[in-house]
Amino acid sequence: MELKGNKYGTHRVIEPKGVLTQAAWKIDNDMTKHYSNEIICDVISLNIDSASFTQIEEACGGDEKKIGEMIMGIVAERGKQQNPVTGSGGMFIGKVAYIGEDLKDRDLKVGDKIASLVSLSLTPLKIEKILAIHKDIDRVDIIGQAVLFESGIYAKLPDDMSEPLALAALDVAGAPAQARKLPKEGDSVLILGANGKSGVLCGYEAMKKVGPKGNVVGVVRNPAQVPALMELGVYNKVIVASATEPIAVLDAALAANNGKEYDISICCVNIENCEMSAILPVRDNGIVYFFSMATSFTKAALGAEGVGKDVTMIIGNGYTKDHAEITLNVLRENEKIRKLFDEKYC
C-alpha cells in the first residue's frame, strides 16, 4: 500500500522538523519509498542555478573533478542539491519513472520526459553517478533520481526542439514572463546581465511590450558583446559598465535614456553586490525586478532607503503563470535567439 505524503513535501523533511523542504537542512532522498502523491523521475541532467554553479566553480578552482565531488557531497549530506553558500539549486530534466495513485489523473505517463519547474533546493535528489560536467552552461549530466511533490510544477519537453535547448530556456522561464508582464507601452527598461540567457529573453519580451515608443537598454561588462547583442535586435541600446559599480551604471544608463530615470530595471547578474546598480537608475514609483539568486534582500532594502528611492522591488521567484510556454515560444518566434541558444547553451 502506498503511503500518503504531505502536499508540500514535509514528510520528506529530516531536520529541522516543522519546516518546508526548501528551508530544511536535510531531507529524505530514499527513492524506494513510494508515496501516493509523488512523482519520481530518472534524472538525465541538472541545470545548476547560475549563482550556485559560479560559486562552486570558483571554490573548486575550475577543476571538474572537484566540482563533481562537491556536488556529490552536497547531495549526499543534504538529500538535495542546495548550495550551502548561495542557498539556491537549479532544475532537472528526466523521464517519469513512477506516478503516485493520487496523481494518475494528470496528463502524464511513465516514460514522459519532463523538466522540473521547481528548485533543486527543495527537491529530493539521489545521484548514483556524474557522467559529465558542462562548465560553460552550468549543466551536469547524471544517473540518479528525483522527486516531485504534489504541489510541484513541471513542463513536458516539447517535440519541436532538443532537450538541451528546452532546458536552457526553461531554466530561466520566470524572467521573460515577468519582462512581458511588468512593462507597459512606452516604458523605459534597463536590463543588467544583458548577454546571459535570462537577459536576452527579457530583452526580447520587453521590446515587444514597450513598442516603438519605449526604450530597452542592456548593460554588459564586456564591450566585445555589444555588436552581437545589437544584431540580435533585443535591445534599443547596449551600454558597457560593471554591475558592481552603481555610479558607472547610473551615468551610462541615464545617458542612454536621454537623461531620464527608468520605469523598470531587471537584474539578471549572477554575482553579488549588484543591487544598487539596479536601484539607482529607476525613478520613484518605478519597479526593480531581481532575477538573481545572488541578490541580498538586506543590501537592496537598506540601499534603496539610503538613497531615498521609493521603488517597488520584486524578488524573482522563478514562477509566473504560463511562464514555461511563454519562454519556449520566444525560441519558436525568434530564429536568431534560437540559433544563439543552440550554439551557446546546447
Protein backbone atom coordinates (compact mmCIF):
# COMPACT_ATOMS: atom_id res chain seq x y z
CA MET A 1 0.00 0.00 0.00
CA GLU A 2 1.29 3.45 -0.94
CA LEU A 3 1.97 5.96 1.81
CA LYS A 4 0.25 9.36 1.70
CA GLY A 5 2.62 12.31 1.85
CA ASN A 6 2.14 15.98 2.58
CA LYS A 7 1.21 18.08 -0.47
CA TYR A 8 4.26 20.30 0.03
CA GLY A 9 6.68 17.50 0.87
CA THR A 10 7.12 17.98 4.60
CA HIS A 11 7.02 14.19 5.04
CA ARG A 12 10.49 14.17 3.46
CA VAL A 13 11.99 16.64 5.95
CA ILE A 14 14.57 15.09 8.30
CA GLU A 15 15.92 18.19 10.03
CA PRO A 16 14.84 20.56 11.35
CA LYS A 17 11.28 19.36 11.74
CA GLY A 18 8.45 21.80 11.12
CA VAL A 19 9.87 23.48 8.01
CA LEU A 20 9.32 23.05 4.29
CA THR A 21 11.88 21.14 2.23
CA GLN A 22 13.48 24.29 0.82
CA ALA A 23 14.28 25.58 4.31
CA ALA A 24 15.31 22.16 5.65
CA TRP A 25 18.97 21.36 6.14
CA LYS A 26 18.45 17.67 5.31
CA ILE A 27 15.65 15.84 3.53
CA ASP A 28 14.88 12.19 2.82
CA ASN A 29 16.03 11.15 -0.66
CA ASP A 30 15.17 7.45 -0.32
CA MET A 31 13.68 6.58 -3.71
CA THR A 32 12.48 3.16 -2.58
CA LYS A 33 9.71 4.89 -0.62
CA HIS A 34 6.66 5.39 -2.81
CA TYR A 35 4.08 7.97 -1.81
CA SER A 36 0.66 8.22 -3.44
CA ASN A 37 1.07 11.94 -4.20
CA GLU A 38 4.63 11.98 -5.53
CA ILE A 39 6.23 11.62 -8.94
CA ILE A 40 9.68 10.02 -9.20
CA CYS A 41 11.87 10.72 -12.21
CA ASP A 42 15.04 9.16 -13.59
CA VAL A 43 17.19 12.26 -13.94
CA ILE A 44 19.12 12.96 -17.15
CA SER A 45 20.64 16.37 -16.40
CA LEU A 46 20.79 19.00 -13.69
CA ASN A 47 20.89 22.65 -14.64
CA ILE A 48 22.61 24.20 -11.64
CA ASP A 49 21.50 27.72 -10.76
CA SER A 50 23.98 30.19 -12.26
CA ALA A 51 24.90 31.86 -8.97
CA SER A 52 25.37 28.45 -7.34
CA PHE A 53 27.47 26.98 -10.14
CA THR A 54 29.66 30.09 -10.25
CA GLN A 55 30.30 29.78 -6.51
CA ILE A 56 31.06 26.04 -6.73
CA GLU A 57 33.34 26.50 -9.73
CA GLU A 58 35.29 29.27 -8.00
CA ALA A 59 35.58 27.25 -4.78
CA CYS A 60 36.98 24.33 -6.79
CA GLY A 61 39.36 26.44 -8.85
CA GLY A 62 37.56 25.35 -12.01
CA ASP A 63 38.61 21.70 -11.57
CA GLU A 64 35.84 19.48 -12.98
CA LYS A 65 36.65 16.53 -10.74
CA LYS A 66 36.43 18.72 -7.64
CA ILE A 67 33.20 20.31 -8.89
CA GLY A 68 31.68 16.84 -9.27
CA GLU A 69 32.88 15.82 -5.82
CA MET A 70 31.41 18.96 -4.26
CA ILE A 71 28.02 18.40 -5.90
CA MET A 72 28.01 14.73 -4.87
CA GLY A 73 28.96 15.78 -1.35
CA ILE A 74 26.17 18.35 -1.07
CA VAL A 75 23.54 15.86 -2.24
CA ALA A 76 24.89 13.05 -0.02
CA GLU A 77 24.81 15.33 3.02
CA ARG A 78 21.57 17.18 2.41
CA GLY A 79 19.45 14.89 0.22
CA LYS A 80 19.09 17.69 -2.32
CA GLN A 81 21.24 19.97 -4.49
CA GLN A 82 21.13 23.15 -2.43
CA ASN A 83 24.33 25.18 -2.36
CA PRO A 84 25.01 25.92 1.33
CA VAL A 85 26.60 29.26 0.41
CA THR A 86 24.06 30.70 -2.05
CA GLY A 87 21.05 28.67 -0.84
CA SER A 88 20.00 28.11 -4.44
CA GLY A 89 19.60 24.96 -6.52
CA GLY A 90 18.57 24.75 -10.16
CA MET A 91 16.29 22.34 -12.04
CA PHE A 92 16.37 18.92 -13.71
CA ILE A 93 15.18 17.11 -16.79
CA GLY A 94 14.31 13.45 -16.59
CA LYS A 95 11.97 10.60 -17.50
CA VAL A 96 8.95 9.84 -15.35
CA ALA A 97 9.55 6.52 -13.58
CA TYR A 98 6.67 6.45 -11.08
CA ILE A 99 3.38 8.30 -10.66
CA GLY A 100 1.55 8.01 -7.34
CA GLU A 101 -2.06 6.81 -7.37
CA ASP A 102 -3.39 10.23 -6.31
CA LEU A 103 -1.80 11.85 -9.37
CA LYS A 104 -2.91 9.38 -12.02
CA ASP A 105 -5.41 11.88 -13.43
CA ARG A 106 -2.64 14.21 -14.60
CA ASP A 107 -1.71 14.50 -18.26
CA LEU A 108 1.42 12.46 -17.64
CA LYS A 109 2.57 8.88 -18.08
CA VAL A 110 5.59 6.80 -17.18
CA GLY A 111 8.30 7.42 -19.76
CA ASP A 112 7.40 11.06 -20.46
CA LYS A 113 10.33 13.45 -20.47
CA ILE A 114 9.78 16.49 -18.28
CA ALA A 115 11.63 19.47 -16.90
CA SER A 116 11.10 20.37 -13.26
CA LEU A 117 9.98 23.95 -12.74
CA VAL A 118 10.69 23.94 -9.02
CA SER A 119 14.11 24.45 -7.49
CA LEU A 120 16.55 21.67 -6.73
CA SER A 121 16.92 23.42 -3.37
CA LEU A 122 13.66 21.73 -2.29
CA THR A 123 13.74 18.59 -4.45
CA PRO A 124 14.75 15.19 -3.02
CA LEU A 125 17.62 14.02 -5.22
CA LYS A 126 19.84 10.95 -5.28
CA ILE A 127 22.90 10.85 -7.52
CA GLU A 128 24.42 7.47 -8.38
CA LYS A 129 26.99 8.79 -10.82
CA ILE A 130 28.04 12.02 -12.53
CA LEU A 131 28.52 11.41 -16.24
CA ALA A 132 29.67 14.83 -17.45
CA ILE A 133 30.06 18.43 -16.31
CA HIS A 134 29.50 21.24 -18.78
CA LYS A 135 31.05 24.26 -17.08
CA ASP A 136 30.20 26.69 -19.85
CA ILE A 137 26.46 26.09 -19.46
CA ASP A 138 26.18 25.15 -15.73
CA ARG A 139 24.90 21.68 -16.60
CA VAL A 140 25.66 18.30 -15.02
CA ASP A 141 24.66 15.02 -16.66
CA ILE A 142 23.95 12.31 -14.09
CA ILE A 143 22.47 8.92 -13.33
CA GLY A 144 20.06 9.45 -10.46
CA GLN A 145 16.51 10.06 -9.36
CA ALA A 146 14.46 12.99 -8.09
CA VAL A 147 11.03 13.52 -6.52
CA LEU A 148 8.32 15.97 -7.48
CA PHE A 149 5.72 16.64 -4.78
CA GLU A 150 2.01 17.07 -5.41
CA SER A 151 2.50 20.85 -5.39
CA GLY A 152 5.50 20.68 -7.73
CA ILE A 153 5.22 22.12 -11.22
CA TYR A 154 6.84 20.76 -14.35
CA ALA A 155 6.71 21.02 -18.12
CA LYS A 156 6.64 18.22 -20.68
CA LEU A 157 9.58 18.63 -23.01
CA PRO A 158 8.35 19.84 -26.41
CA ASP A 159 8.68 17.80 -29.60
CA ASP A 160 9.85 20.72 -31.74
CA MET A 161 13.19 21.37 -30.00
CA SER A 162 16.04 19.40 -28.46
CA GLU A 163 16.15 18.57 -24.75
CA PRO A 164 19.21 20.76 -24.06
CA LEU A 165 17.60 23.69 -25.88
CA ALA A 166 14.33 23.40 -23.95
CA LEU A 167 16.20 23.00 -20.66
CA ALA A 168 18.37 26.04 -21.32
CA ALA A 169 15.28 28.19 -21.80
CA LEU A 170 13.10 26.68 -19.05
CA ASP A 171 15.93 27.17 -16.56
CA VAL A 172 15.18 30.91 -16.59
CA ALA A 173 11.48 30.77 -17.54
CA GLY A 174 10.32 33.12 -14.79
CA ALA A 175 12.32 36.06 -16.09
CA PRO A 176 10.96 36.60 -19.63
CA ALA A 177 7.41 36.03 -18.39
CA GLN A 178 7.87 38.89 -15.91
CA ALA A 179 9.51 41.02 -18.61
CA ARG A 180 6.29 40.60 -20.56
CA LYS A 181 4.05 41.32 -17.57
CA LEU A 182 5.74 44.27 -15.85
CA PRO A 183 6.32 46.95 -18.53
CA LYS A 184 3.67 48.88 -20.39
CA GLU A 185 3.78 50.51 -23.80
CA GLY A 186 6.27 53.36 -23.98
CA ASP A 187 8.21 52.37 -20.84
CA SER A 188 11.97 52.50 -20.48
CA VAL A 189 13.54 49.25 -19.25
CA LEU A 190 17.11 48.65 -18.08
CA ILE A 191 18.41 45.06 -18.09
CA LEU A 192 21.60 44.19 -16.22
CA GLY A 193 23.32 40.99 -17.30
CA ALA A 194 22.03 41.62 -20.80
CA ASN A 195 24.16 38.97 -22.50
CA GLY A 196 23.05 35.98 -20.41
CA LYS A 197 20.17 33.59 -21.06
CA SER A 198 17.65 35.44 -18.94
CA GLY A 199 18.88 38.84 -20.11
CA VAL A 200 18.41 38.07 -23.80
CA LEU A 201 14.95 36.56 -23.26
CA CYS A 202 13.91 39.51 -21.08
CA GLY A 203 15.14 41.96 -23.71
CA TYR A 204 13.05 40.26 -26.38
CA GLU A 205 9.85 40.28 -24.32
CA ALA A 206 10.41 43.83 -23.06
CA MET A 207 10.97 45.14 -26.62
CA LYS A 208 7.68 43.58 -27.72
CA LYS A 209 5.81 45.05 -24.76
CA VAL A 210 7.15 48.65 -24.74
CA GLY A 211 6.80 49.05 -28.50
CA PRO A 212 8.45 51.63 -30.75
CA LYS A 213 7.98 54.48 -28.25
CA GLY A 214 9.74 52.59 -25.47
CA ASN A 215 13.44 52.13 -24.76
CA VAL A 216 15.09 48.86 -23.71
CA VAL A 217 18.72 49.21 -22.68
CA GLY A 218 21.07 46.34 -21.86
CA VAL A 219 24.11 46.51 -19.58
CA VAL A 220 27.18 44.35 -20.21
CA ARG A 221 30.68 44.41 -18.76
CA ASN A 222 32.49 43.24 -21.91
CA PRO A 223 32.41 45.69 -24.86
CA ALA A 224 33.03 42.80 -27.26
CA GLN A 225 29.48 41.58 -26.57
CA VAL A 226 27.79 44.75 -27.78
CA PRO A 227 27.75 44.20 -31.60
CA ALA A 228 26.25 40.70 -31.39
CA LEU A 229 23.55 41.86 -28.96
CA MET A 230 22.58 44.75 -31.18
CA GLU A 231 22.49 42.40 -34.15
CA LEU A 232 20.15 40.15 -32.18
CA GLY A 233 17.65 43.00 -32.04
CA VAL A 234 16.57 42.57 -28.41
CA TYR A 235 17.79 45.99 -27.20
CA ASN A 236 17.49 49.55 -28.44
CA LYS A 237 20.90 50.28 -26.93
CA VAL A 238 23.61 48.36 -25.06
CA ILE A 239 25.92 50.13 -22.61
CA VAL A 240 29.19 48.94 -21.09
CA ALA A 241 29.64 49.06 -17.32
CA SER A 242 30.25 46.69 -14.42
CA ALA A 243 27.06 45.93 -12.49
CA THR A 244 29.11 46.01 -9.28
CA GLU A 245 29.84 49.73 -9.89
CA PRO A 246 26.49 51.53 -9.41
CA ILE A 247 27.63 55.07 -10.22
CA ALA A 248 29.20 53.96 -13.51
CA VAL A 249 25.99 52.09 -14.38
CA LEU A 250 23.86 55.08 -13.40
CA ASP A 251 25.82 57.54 -15.55
CA ALA A 252 25.86 55.31 -18.62
CA ALA A 253 22.22 54.27 -18.18
CA LEU A 254 20.91 57.83 -17.92
CA ALA A 255 22.94 58.87 -20.96
CA ALA A 256 21.26 56.05 -22.92
CA ASN A 257 17.78 57.25 -21.87
CA ASN A 258 18.01 60.96 -22.67
CA GLY A 259 18.97 61.75 -19.09
CA LYS A 260 15.76 60.26 -17.69
CA GLU A 261 15.43 57.62 -14.99
CA TYR A 262 13.95 54.27 -15.98
CA ASP A 263 10.48 52.91 -15.34
CA ILE A 264 11.77 49.39 -14.72
CA SER A 265 15.07 47.62 -14.19
CA ILE A 266 15.66 43.88 -14.35
CA CYS A 267 18.76 42.41 -12.71
CA CYS A 268 19.92 39.13 -14.26
CA VAL A 269 23.50 39.26 -12.97
CA ASN A 270 24.72 36.12 -11.20
CA ILE A 271 27.26 37.75 -8.86
CA GLU A 272 26.92 39.67 -5.59
CA ASN A 273 26.79 43.43 -4.98
CA CYS A 274 24.69 44.44 -7.98
CA GLU A 275 21.65 45.64 -6.03
CA MET A 276 22.34 49.37 -6.22
CA SER A 277 23.12 49.27 -9.93
CA ALA A 278 19.55 48.05 -10.43
CA ILE A 279 18.01 50.54 -7.97
CA LEU A 280 19.77 53.83 -8.69
CA PRO A 281 18.69 54.32 -12.33
CA VAL A 282 14.97 53.76 -11.57
CA ARG A 283 12.52 56.60 -10.98
CA ASP A 284 10.42 56.95 -7.84
CA ASN A 285 7.42 54.59 -8.00
CA GLY A 286 9.26 52.54 -10.61
CA ILE A 287 9.90 48.78 -10.44
CA VAL A 288 13.10 46.87 -9.73
CA TYR A 289 12.93 43.15 -10.55
CA PHE A 290 15.72 40.99 -9.12
CA PHE A 291 16.04 37.76 -11.09
CA SER A 292 19.23 36.56 -9.42
CA MET A 293 19.90 34.25 -6.51
CA ALA A 294 22.94 36.38 -5.67
CA THR A 295 20.65 39.24 -4.59
CA SER A 296 20.80 40.33 -0.94
CA PHE A 297 17.48 41.48 0.48
CA THR A 298 19.36 43.43 3.15
CA LYS A 299 21.53 45.27 0.64
CA ALA A 300 18.56 46.03 -1.61
CA ALA A 301 16.24 47.22 1.17
CA LEU A 302 18.77 49.31 3.08
CA GLY A 303 20.39 50.55 -0.11
CA ALA A 304 17.12 51.87 -1.53
CA GLU A 305 16.34 53.51 1.78
CA GLY A 306 19.82 55.04 1.95
CA VAL A 307 19.48 56.82 -1.39
CA GLY A 308 15.84 57.79 -0.86
CA LYS A 309 14.40 55.63 -3.63
CA ASP A 310 10.67 54.88 -3.35
CA VAL A 311 10.67 51.90 -5.71
CA THR A 312 8.76 48.64 -5.77
CA MET A 313 11.25 45.77 -5.52
CA ILE A 314 10.22 42.32 -6.73
CA ILE A 315 12.04 39.11 -5.95
CA GLY A 316 12.08 36.81 -8.97
CA ASN A 317 10.58 33.64 -7.57
CA GLY A 318 11.08 31.67 -10.78
CA TYR A 319 7.37 31.09 -11.33
CA THR A 320 4.89 33.21 -13.23
CA LYS A 321 1.64 31.96 -14.77
CA ASP A 322 2.28 30.30 -18.17
CA HIS A 323 6.00 31.05 -17.86
CA ALA A 324 7.13 27.79 -19.49
CA GLU A 325 5.05 28.27 -22.64
CA ILE A 326 5.91 31.99 -22.85
CA THR A 327 9.63 31.21 -22.73
CA LEU A 328 9.56 28.32 -25.20
CA ASN A 329 7.55 30.49 -27.58
CA VAL A 330 10.39 33.02 -27.68
CA LEU A 331 12.56 30.32 -29.25
CA ARG A 332 9.77 29.49 -31.68
CA GLU A 333 9.20 33.12 -32.64
CA ASN A 334 12.79 34.32 -32.98
CA GLU A 335 15.21 32.31 -35.12
CA LYS A 336 18.21 34.42 -34.07
CA ILE A 337 17.65 33.73 -30.36
CA ARG A 338 17.03 30.04 -31.04
CA LYS A 339 20.28 29.84 -33.01
CA LEU A 340 22.14 31.65 -30.22
CA PHE A 341 20.81 29.23 -27.58
CA ASP A 342 21.60 26.21 -29.76
CA GLU A 343 25.18 27.36 -30.26
CA LYS A 344 25.88 28.68 -26.77
CA TYR A 345 23.90 26.53 -24.34
CA CYS A 346 23.42 23.13 -26.01
